[in-house]
Amino acid sequence: MDLNIAVLIDGDNIPSAYVKEMMEEIAKYGNPTIKRIYGDWTNPRLGKWKNVLLENAITPIQQYGYTSGKNATDSAMIIDAMDILYSGKVNGFCIVSSDSDFTRLATRLREAGMQVIGMGEKKTPNPFIVACDRFIYIEILKDRSEEISDANKSKNVPESNVDKITAKDIRLFTSTINDVADEDGWAFLGDVGSLLQKRYPNFDSRNYGFQKLTPLMGAIKNFELERREDSRGRNKLIYVKVKEKNASKSRK
């Protein structure tokens, strides 16, 4: 079932330069039926947003800063989110902010059965990230398609991408593969990706410079990939396995 998503943007702490990529990313997960951005539009600092609202059909919500030091925008977003929740018009939310103040909101929406996607900068505090079903860093959304496409087509993976993969990441991937693997150690890559996403909402292959999970796993020497045909022989299914010498170490 395709999600009907309410997109709520905190205009006070999200740069307008990312709006096109953000909306394209959101469309991958469902239909953004409600799109609102909150801020004090009398403030010249939000001027850049005004140029992109019409072309992306985002409704600006005026929220004056009544008290110095208090973020009225956050309160307005939270109130609207609860109103939208009880309206029954959507089954998902996308909260675009780098502010940990939305942690409780994300938790409450998920308790109500909503799918919650978070978007924010890499400075976003971890409590808000883990409160979402999925969290996407907006820095990775800038258009690098040509650069990444060329890298993925190349037989040699660029060192700059491989260098982003730490020993901690490899341990994380290894334990996840082992958790869903069959008796022979092979795990369906789709199951691996789903479990990684559940455990770590901010997991994204693009954080490492790869568009998809397959080339990411293929770039790590600790793992081997195998392509199999489905029962009808129509589709290629990707399986991944921890290489034996590394598997023995991981069990110690």
C-alpha atoms as a PDB file:
ATOM      1  CA  MET A   1       0.000   0.000   0.000  1.00  0.00           C
ATOM      2  CA  ASP A   2       1.324   3.400  -0.998  1.00  0.00           C
ATOM      3  CA  LEU A   3       1.659   5.832   1.878  1.00  0.00           C
ATOM      4  CA  ASN A   4      -0.159   9.135   2.013  1.00  0.00           C
ATOM      5  CA  ILE A   5       2.431  11.290   3.718  1.00  0.00           C
ATOM      6  CA  ALA A   6       2.174  14.560   5.618  1.00  0.00           C
ATOM      7  CA  VAL A   7       5.415  16.476   5.082  1.00  0.00           C
ATOM      8  CA  LEU A   8       6.141  18.970   7.876  1.00  0.00           C
ATOM      9  CA  ILE A   9       9.267  21.104   7.447  1.00  0.00           C
ATOM     10  CA  ASP A  10      10.968  23.134  10.167  1.00  0.00           C
ATOM     11  CA  GLY A  11      11.947  26.187   8.131  1.00  0.00           C
ATOM     12  CA  ASP A  12      14.043  27.558  10.980  1.00  0.00           C
ATOM     13  CA  ASN A  13      16.828  24.984  10.732  1.00  0.00           C
ATOM     14  CA  ILE A  14      16.657  23.319   7.301  1.00  0.00           C
ATOM     15  CA  PRO A  15      18.464  24.967   4.331  1.00  0.00           C
ATOM     16  CA  SER A  16      16.271  25.734   1.327  1.00  0.00           C
ATOM     17  CA  ALA A  17      18.983  24.474  -1.056  1.00  0.00           C
ATOM     18  CA  TYR A  18      17.902  20.873  -0.403  1.00  0.00           C
ATOM     19  CA  VAL A  19      14.187  21.212  -1.140  1.00  0.00           C
ATOM     20  CA  LYS A  20      14.166  19.662  -4.647  1.00  0.00           C
ATOM     21  CA  GLU A  21      16.150  16.612  -3.550  1.00  0.00           C
ATOM     22  CA  MET A  22      14.074  16.259  -0.393  1.00  0.00           C
ATOM     23  CA  MET A  23      10.783  16.152  -2.278  1.00  0.00           C
ATOM     24  CA  GLU A  24      12.169  13.664  -4.804  1.00  0.00           C
ATOM     25  CA  GLU A  25      13.331  11.434  -1.950  1.00  0.00           C
ATOM     26  CA  ILE A  26       9.987  11.608  -0.135  1.00  0.00           C
ATOM     27  CA  ALA A  27       8.172  10.586  -3.331  1.00  0.00           C
ATOM     28  CA  LYS A  28      10.036   7.246  -3.207  1.00  0.00           C
ATOM     29  CA  TYR A  29       8.132   6.295  -0.063  1.00  0.00           C
ATOM     30  CA  GLY A  30       4.646   7.526  -0.885  1.00  0.00           C
ATOM     31  CA  ASN A  31       2.406  10.367  -1.965  1.00  0.00           C
ATOM     32  CA  PRO A  32       3.059  13.662  -0.121  1.00  0.00           C
ATOM     33  CA  THR A  33      -0.580  14.774   0.164  1.00  0.00           C
ATOM     34  CA  ILE A  34       0.108  17.471   2.774  1.00  0.00           C
ATOM     35  CA  LYS A  35       3.195  19.686   2.474  1.00  0.00           C
ATOM     36  CA  ARG A  36       3.736  22.471   4.995  1.00  0.00           C
ATOM     37  CA  ILE A  37       6.681  24.533   6.117  1.00  0.00           C
ATOM     38  CA  TYR A  38       6.744  26.480   9.377  1.00  0.00           C
ATOM     39  CA  GLY A  39       8.564  29.674  10.233  1.00  0.00           C
ATOM     40  CA  ASP A  40       8.347  33.404  10.788  1.00  0.00           C
ATOM     41  CA  TRP A  41       8.021  34.611   7.201  1.00  0.00           C
ATOM     42  CA  THR A  42       8.580  38.228   8.279  1.00  0.00           C
ATOM     43  CA  ASN A  43      12.170  37.206   9.026  1.00  0.00           C
ATOM     44  CA  PRO A  44      14.501  37.960   6.064  1.00  0.00           C
ATOM     45  CA  ARG A  45      16.475  34.834   6.937  1.00  0.00           C
ATOM     46  CA  LEU A  46      13.716  32.703   5.407  1.00  0.00           C
ATOM     47  CA  GLY A  47      13.705  34.689   2.175  1.00  0.00           C
ATOM     48  CA  LYS A  48      15.402  31.930   0.168  1.00  0.00           C
ATOM     49  CA  TRP A  49      12.582  29.534   0.998  1.00  0.00           C
ATOM     50  CA  LYS A  50       9.986  31.813  -0.589  1.00  0.00           C
ATOM     51  CA  ASN A  51      11.488  31.238  -4.036  1.00  0.00           C
ATOM     52  CA  VAL A  52      11.000  27.460  -3.936  1.00  0.00           C
ATOM     53  CA  LEU A  53       7.654  27.072  -2.164  1.00  0.00           C
ATOM     54  CA  LEU A  54       5.414  27.639  -5.194  1.00  0.00           C
ATOM     55  CA  GLU A  55       7.306  25.354  -7.564  1.00  0.00           C
ATOM     56  CA  ASN A  56       7.163  22.549  -4.981  1.00  0.00           C
ATOM     57  CA  ALA A  57       3.565  23.244  -3.842  1.00  0.00           C
ATOM     58  CA  ILE A  58       4.580  23.661  -0.199  1.00  0.00           C
ATOM     59  CA  THR A  59       2.224  25.706   1.985  1.00  0.00           C
ATOM     60  CA  PRO A  60       3.962  28.238   4.263  1.00  0.00           C
ATOM     61  CA  ILE A  61       2.574  28.437   7.805  1.00  0.00           C
ATOM     62  CA  GLN A  62       3.247  31.730   9.559  1.00  0.00           C
ATOM     63  CA  GLN A  63       4.434  31.399  13.136  1.00  0.00           C
ATOM     64  CA  TYR A  64       5.603  34.504  14.966  1.00  0.00           C
ATOM     65  CA  GLY A  65       8.315  34.203  17.575  1.00  0.00           C
ATOM     66  CA  TYR A  66       6.305  35.556  20.473  1.00  0.00           C
ATOM     67  CA  THR A  67       8.975  35.063  23.125  1.00  0.00           C
ATOM     68  CA  SER A  68      12.719  35.470  22.774  1.00  0.00           C
ATOM     69  CA  GLY A  69      14.555  32.162  23.181  1.00  0.00           C
ATOM     70  CA  LYS A  70      11.428  30.035  22.659  1.00  0.00           C
ATOM     71  CA  ASN A  71      10.863  28.115  19.441  1.00  0.00           C
ATOM     72  CA  ALA A  72       7.221  28.710  18.522  1.00  0.00           C
ATOM     73  CA  THR A  73       7.766  26.919  15.194  1.00  0.00           C
ATOM     74  CA  ASP A  74       8.278  23.586  16.957  1.00  0.00           C
ATOM     75  CA  SER A  75       5.044  23.977  18.897  1.00  0.00           C
ATOM     76  CA  ALA A  76       3.083  24.852  15.750  1.00  0.00           C
ATOM     77  CA  MET A  77       4.426  21.786  13.914  1.00  0.00           C
ATOM     78  CA  ILE A  78       3.593  19.483  16.803  1.00  0.00           C
ATOM     79  CA  ILE A  79       0.032  20.821  17.135  1.00  0.00           C
ATOM     80  CA  ASP A  80      -0.559  20.495  13.389  1.00  0.00           C
ATOM     81  CA  ALA A  81       0.893  16.976  13.355  1.00  0.00           C
ATOM     82  CA  MET A  82      -1.579  15.832  16.007  1.00  0.00           C
ATOM     83  CA  ASP A  83      -4.478  17.487  14.168  1.00  0.00           C
ATOM     84  CA  ILE A  84      -3.447  15.705  10.952  1.00  0.00           C
ATOM     85  CA  LEU A  85      -3.065  12.409  12.824  1.00  0.00           C
ATOM     86  CA  TYR A  86      -6.632  12.546  14.142  1.00  0.00           C
ATOM     87  CA  SER A  87      -7.997  13.619  10.754  1.00  0.00           C
ATOM     88  CA  GLY A  88      -7.246  10.138   9.408  1.00  0.00           C
ATOM     89  CA  LYS A  89      -6.142  11.542   6.047  1.00  0.00           C
ATOM     90  CA  VAL A  90      -2.601  10.146   6.080  1.00  0.00           C
ATOM     91  CA  ASN A  91      -0.818   6.995   7.173  1.00  0.00           C
ATOM     92  CA  GLY A  92       2.677   8.423   7.277  1.00  0.00           C
ATOM     93  CA  PHE A  93       4.627  11.508   8.289  1.00  0.00           C
ATOM     94  CA  CYS A  94       7.897  13.041   7.140  1.00  0.00           C
ATOM     95  CA  ILE A  95       9.359  15.368   9.749  1.00  0.00           C
ATOM     96  CA  VAL A  96      12.080  17.517   8.245  1.00  0.00           C
ATOM     97  CA  SER A  97      14.220  18.995  11.003  1.00  0.00           C
ATOM     98  CA  SER A  98      17.551  18.607  12.773  1.00  0.00           C
ATOM     99  CA  ASP A  99      15.965  19.421  16.139  1.00  0.00           C
ATOM    100  CA  SER A 100      15.730  16.834  18.915  1.00  0.00           C
ATOM    101  CA  ASP A 101      12.547  18.552  20.165  1.00  0.00           C
ATOM    102  CA  PHE A 102      10.613  16.380  17.690  1.00  0.00           C
ATOM    103  CA  THR A 103      11.720  13.113  19.328  1.00  0.00           C
ATOM    104  CA  ARG A 104       8.542  12.725  21.379  1.00  0.00           C
ATOM    105  CA  LEU A 105       6.373  13.634  18.397  1.00  0.00           C
ATOM    106  CA  ALA A 106       7.971  10.932  16.245  1.00  0.00           C
ATOM    107  CA  THR A 107       7.509   8.390  19.029  1.00  0.00           C
ATOM    108  CA  ARG A 108       3.855   9.354  19.525  1.00  0.00           C
ATOM    109  CA  LEU A 109       3.079   9.113  15.813  1.00  0.00           C
ATOM    110  CA  ARG A 110       4.617   5.644  15.609  1.00  0.00           C
ATOM    111  CA  GLU A 111       2.609   4.571  18.647  1.00  0.00           C
ATOM    112  CA  ALA A 112      -0.483   5.547  16.639  1.00  0.00           C
ATOM    113  CA  GLY A 113       0.591   3.232  13.799  1.00  0.00           C
ATOM    114  CA  MET A 114       2.054   5.918  11.553  1.00  0.00           C
ATOM    115  CA  GLN A 115       5.126   5.355   9.391  1.00  0.00           C
ATOM    116  CA  VAL A 116       7.576   8.111  10.377  1.00  0.00           C
ATOM    117  CA  ILE A 117      10.407   9.272   8.123  1.00  0.00           C
ATOM    118  CA  GLY A 118      12.849  11.816   9.483  1.00  0.00           C
ATOM    119  CA  MET A 119      15.092  14.090   7.453  1.00  0.00           C
ATOM    120  CA  GLY A 120      17.766  16.390   8.763  1.00  0.00           C
ATOM    121  CA  GLU A 121      21.404  17.344   8.701  1.00  0.00           C
ATOM    122  CA  LYS A 122      24.143  15.089  10.035  1.00  0.00           C
ATOM    123  CA  LYS A 123      24.209  17.188  13.212  1.00  0.00           C
ATOM    124  CA  THR A 124      20.767  15.815  14.173  1.00  0.00           C
ATOM    125  CA  PRO A 125      20.821  14.356  17.726  1.00  0.00           C
ATOM    126  CA  ASN A 126      20.556  10.572  17.930  1.00  0.00           C
ATOM    127  CA  PRO A 127      17.349  10.456  20.048  1.00  0.00           C
ATOM    128  CA  PHE A 128      15.333  11.979  17.189  1.00  0.00           C
ATOM    129  CA  ILE A 129      16.986   9.674  14.645  1.00  0.00           C
ATOM    130  CA  VAL A 130      16.152   6.453  16.504  1.00  0.00           C
ATOM    131  CA  ALA A 131      12.586   7.654  17.180  1.00  0.00           C
ATOM    132  CA  CYS A 132      11.874   7.438  13.415  1.00  0.00           C
ATOM    133  CA  ASP A 133      11.315   4.345  11.272  1.00  0.00           C
ATOM    134  CA  ARG A 134      13.832   5.746   8.817  1.00  0.00           C
ATOM    135  CA  PHE A 135      16.094   8.781   8.989  1.00  0.00           C
ATOM    136  CA  ILE A 136      17.764  10.323   5.941  1.00  0.00           C
ATOM    137  CA  TYR A 137      20.608  12.825   6.024  1.00  0.00           C
ATOM    138  CA  ILE A 138      19.835  15.629   3.609  1.00  0.00           C
ATOM    139  CA  GLU A 139      23.518  16.101   2.775  1.00  0.00           C
ATOM    140  CA  ILE A 140      23.509  12.841   0.796  1.00  0.00           C
ATOM    141  CA  LEU A 141      20.569  13.971  -1.332  1.00  0.00           C
ATOM    142  CA  LYS A 142      22.418  16.557  -3.392  1.00  0.00           C
ATOM    143  CA  ASP A 143      22.641  15.508  -6.981  1.00  0.00           C
ATOM    144  CA  ARG A 144      25.718  13.285  -7.287  1.00  0.00           C
ATOM    145  CA  SER A 145      24.083  10.790  -9.636  1.00  0.00           C
ATOM    146  CA  GLU A 146      26.652  11.084 -12.438  1.00  0.00           C
ATOM    147  CA  GLU A 147      29.594  10.759 -10.089  1.00  0.00           C
ATOM    148  CA  ILE A 148      28.144   7.750  -8.242  1.00  0.00           C
ATOM    149  CA  SER A 149      26.907   6.072 -11.404  1.00  0.00           C
ATOM    150  CA  ASP A 150      30.383   6.229 -12.918  1.00  0.00           C
ATOM    151  CA  ALA A 151      31.864   4.855  -9.694  1.00  0.00           C
ATOM    152  CA  ASN A 152      29.443   1.929  -9.536  1.00  0.00           C
ATOM    153  CA  LYS A 153      30.068   1.005 -13.186  1.00  0.00           C
ATOM    154  CA  SER A 154      33.787   0.956 -12.609  1.00  0.00           C
ATOM    155  CA  LYS A 155      35.445  -2.361 -11.761  1.00  0.00           C
ATOM    156  CA  ASN A 156      37.567  -0.614  -9.155  1.00  0.00           C
ATOM    157  CA  VAL A 157      35.604   1.022  -6.354  1.00  0.00           C
ATOM    158  CA  PRO A 158      37.032   4.461  -5.542  1.00  0.00           C
ATOM    159  CA  GLU A 159      39.157   4.486  -2.412  1.00  0.00           C
ATOM    160  CA  SER A 160      37.263   7.558  -1.156  1.00  0.00           C
ATOM    161  CA  ASN A 161      34.104   5.404  -0.870  1.00  0.00           C
ATOM    162  CA  VAL A 162      35.781   2.351   0.650  1.00  0.00           C
ATOM    163  CA  ASP A 163      37.570   4.513   3.190  1.00  0.00           C
ATOM    164  CA  LYS A 164      34.205   5.581   4.634  1.00  0.00           C
ATOM    165  CA  ILE A 165      33.569   1.997   5.767  1.00  0.00           C
ATOM    166  CA  THR A 166      34.988   1.537   9.260  1.00  0.00           C
ATOM    167  CA  ALA A 167      35.783  -1.616  11.235  1.00  0.00           C
ATOM    168  CA  LYS A 168      32.716  -0.860  13.363  1.00  0.00           C
ATOM    169  CA  ASP A 169      30.561  -0.797  10.214  1.00  0.00           C
ATOM    170  CA  ILE A 170      31.932  -4.149   9.088  1.00  0.00           C
ATOM    171  CA  ARG A 171      31.152  -5.692  12.496  1.00  0.00           C
ATOM    172  CA  LEU A 172      27.616  -4.287  12.234  1.00  0.00           C
ATOM    173  CA  PHE A 173      27.123  -5.733   8.747  1.00  0.00           C
ATOM    174  CA  THR A 174      28.645  -9.079   9.775  1.00  0.00           C
ATOM    175  CA  SER A 175      26.367  -9.559  12.786  1.00  0.00           C
ATOM    176  CA  THR A 176      23.305  -8.599  10.734  1.00  0.00           C
ATOM    177  CA  ILE A 177      24.165 -11.049   7.954  1.00  0.00           C
ATOM    178  CA  ASN A 178      24.722 -13.837  10.479  1.00  0.00           C
ATOM    179  CA  ASP A 179      21.380 -13.111  12.159  1.00  0.00           C
ATOM    180  CA  VAL A 180      19.377 -13.754   8.971  1.00  0.00           C
ATOM    181  CA  ALA A 181      21.637 -16.298   7.267  1.00  0.00           C
ATOM    182  CA  ASP A 182      20.630 -19.878   6.503  1.00  0.00           C
ATOM    183  CA  GLU A 183      22.561 -22.954   7.674  1.00  0.00           C
ATOM    184  CA  ASP A 184      25.120 -22.433   4.912  1.00  0.00           C
ATOM    185  CA  GLY A 185      25.744 -18.835   5.928  1.00  0.00           C
ATOM    186  CA  TRP A 186      23.969 -17.215   2.970  1.00  0.00           C
ATOM    187  CA  ALA A 187      21.548 -14.348   3.641  1.00  0.00           C
ATOM    188  CA  PHE A 188      19.099 -12.767   1.205  1.00  0.00           C
ATOM    189  CA  LEU A 189      20.378  -9.222   0.779  1.00  0.00           C
ATOM    190  CA  GLY A 190      16.859  -7.783   0.978  1.00  0.00           C
ATOM    191  CA  ASP A 191      16.466  -9.272   4.474  1.00  0.00           C
ATOM    192  CA  VAL A 192      19.849  -7.870   5.489  1.00  0.00           C
ATOM    193  CA  GLY A 193      18.852  -4.385   4.346  1.00  0.00           C
ATOM    194  CA  SER A 194      15.498  -4.568   6.157  1.00  0.00           C
ATOM    195  CA  LEU A 195      17.094  -5.622   9.432  1.00  0.00           C
ATOM    196  CA  LEU A 196      19.776  -2.942   9.176  1.00  0.00           C
ATOM    197  CA  GLN A 197      17.040  -0.339   8.658  1.00  0.00           C
ATOM    198  CA  LYS A 198      15.070  -1.556  11.679  1.00  0.00           C
ATOM    199  CA  ARG A 199      18.116  -1.537  13.941  1.00  0.00           C
ATOM    200  CA  TYR A 200      19.622   1.685  12.627  1.00  0.00           C
ATOM    201  CA  PRO A 201      17.042   4.119  11.161  1.00  0.00           C
ATOM    202  CA  ASN A 202      19.807   6.307   9.700  1.00  0.00           C
ATOM    203  CA  PHE A 203      21.449   3.433   7.806  1.00  0.00           C
ATOM    204  CA  ASP A 204      21.745   4.332   4.146  1.00  0.00           C
ATOM    205  CA  SER A 205      24.180   3.007   1.537  1.00  0.00           C
ATOM    206  CA  ARG A 206      24.542   6.572   0.277  1.00  0.00           C
ATOM    207  CA  ASN A 207      26.192   7.538   3.565  1.00  0.00           C
ATOM    208  CA  TYR A 208      29.156   5.502   2.311  1.00  0.00           C
ATOM    209  CA  GLY A 209      29.042   6.823  -1.241  1.00  0.00           C
ATOM    210  CA  PHE A 210      27.070   3.940  -2.793  1.00  0.00           C
ATOM    211  CA  GLN A 211      23.634   4.277  -4.329  1.00  0.00           C
ATOM    212  CA  LYS A 212      22.523   0.748  -3.355  1.00  0.00           C
ATOM    213  CA  LEU A 213      23.304  -1.933  -0.797  1.00  0.00           C
ATOM    214  CA  THR A 214      24.600  -4.391  -3.412  1.00  0.00           C
ATOM    215  CA  PRO A 215      27.637  -2.347  -4.533  1.00  0.00           C
ATOM    216  CA  LEU A 216      28.320  -1.415  -0.903  1.00  0.00           C
ATOM    217  CA  MET A 217      28.529  -5.058   0.158  1.00  0.00           C
ATOM    218  CA  GLY A 218      30.436  -5.925  -2.995  1.00  0.00           C
ATOM    219  CA  ALA A 219      33.104  -3.373  -2.125  1.00  0.00           C
ATOM    220  CA  ILE A 220      33.849  -4.975   1.252  1.00  0.00           C
ATOM    221  CA  LYS A 221      36.399  -7.787   1.018  1.00  0.00           C
ATOM    222  CA  ASN A 222      34.926  -9.533   4.085  1.00  0.00           C
ATOM    223  CA  PHE A 223      31.791 -10.519   2.154  1.00  0.00           C
ATOM    224  CA  GLU A 224      30.955 -12.402  -1.016  1.00  0.00           C
ATOM    225  CA  LEU A 225      27.869 -11.989  -3.177  1.00  0.00           C
ATOM    226  CA  GLU A 226      25.956 -14.574  -5.162  1.00  0.00           C
ATOM    227  CA  ARG A 227      23.242 -13.977  -7.752  1.00  0.00           C
ATOM    228  CA  ARG A 228      20.503 -16.575  -7.982  1.00  0.00           C
ATOM    229  CA  GLU A 229      17.433 -16.908 -10.168  1.00  0.00           C
ATOM    230  CA  ASP A 230      14.044 -17.004  -8.477  1.00  0.00           C
ATOM    231  CA  SER A 231      11.787 -20.067  -8.767  1.00  0.00           C
ATOM    232  CA  ARG A 232      10.438 -18.821 -12.094  1.00  0.00           C
ATOM    233  CA  GLY A 233      13.859 -17.970 -13.469  1.00  0.00           C
ATOM    234  CA  ARG A 234      12.799 -14.396 -14.115  1.00  0.00           C
ATOM    235  CA  ASN A 235      14.605 -12.336 -11.499  1.00  0.00           C
ATOM    236  CA  LYS A 236      18.107 -12.308 -10.097  1.00  0.00           C
ATOM    237  CA  LEU A 237      18.168 -12.478  -6.299  1.00  0.00           C
ATOM    238  CA  ILE A 238      21.257 -11.256  -4.461  1.00  0.00           C
ATOM    239  CA  TYR A 239      22.613 -13.240  -1.518  1.00  0.00           C
ATOM    240  CA  VAL A 240      25.524 -12.295   0.726  1.00  0.00           C
ATOM    241  CA  LYS A 241      27.805 -14.370   2.923  1.00  0.00           C
ATOM    242  CA  VAL A 242      30.573 -13.614   5.393  1.00  0.00           C
ATOM    243  CA  LYS A 243      33.783 -15.121   4.076  1.00  0.00           C
ATOM    244  CA  GLU A 244      34.846 -18.101   6.160  1.00  0.00           C
ATOM    245  CA  LYS A 245      38.000 -16.640   7.684  1.00  0.00           C
ATOM    246  CA  ASN A 246      36.021 -13.623   8.928  1.00  0.00           C
ATOM    247  CA  ALA A 247      33.045 -15.710  10.009  1.00  0.00           C
ATOM    248  CA  SER A 248      35.226 -17.741  12.363  1.00  0.00           C
ATOM    249  CA  LYS A 249      36.586 -14.583  13.941  1.00  0.00           C
ATOM    250  CA  SER A 250      33.115 -13.138  14.447  1.00  0.00           C
ATOM    251  CA  ARG A 251      32.053 -16.243  16.444  1.00  0.00           C
ATOM    252  CA  LYS A 252      34.884 -15.930  18.962  1.00  0.00           C
END
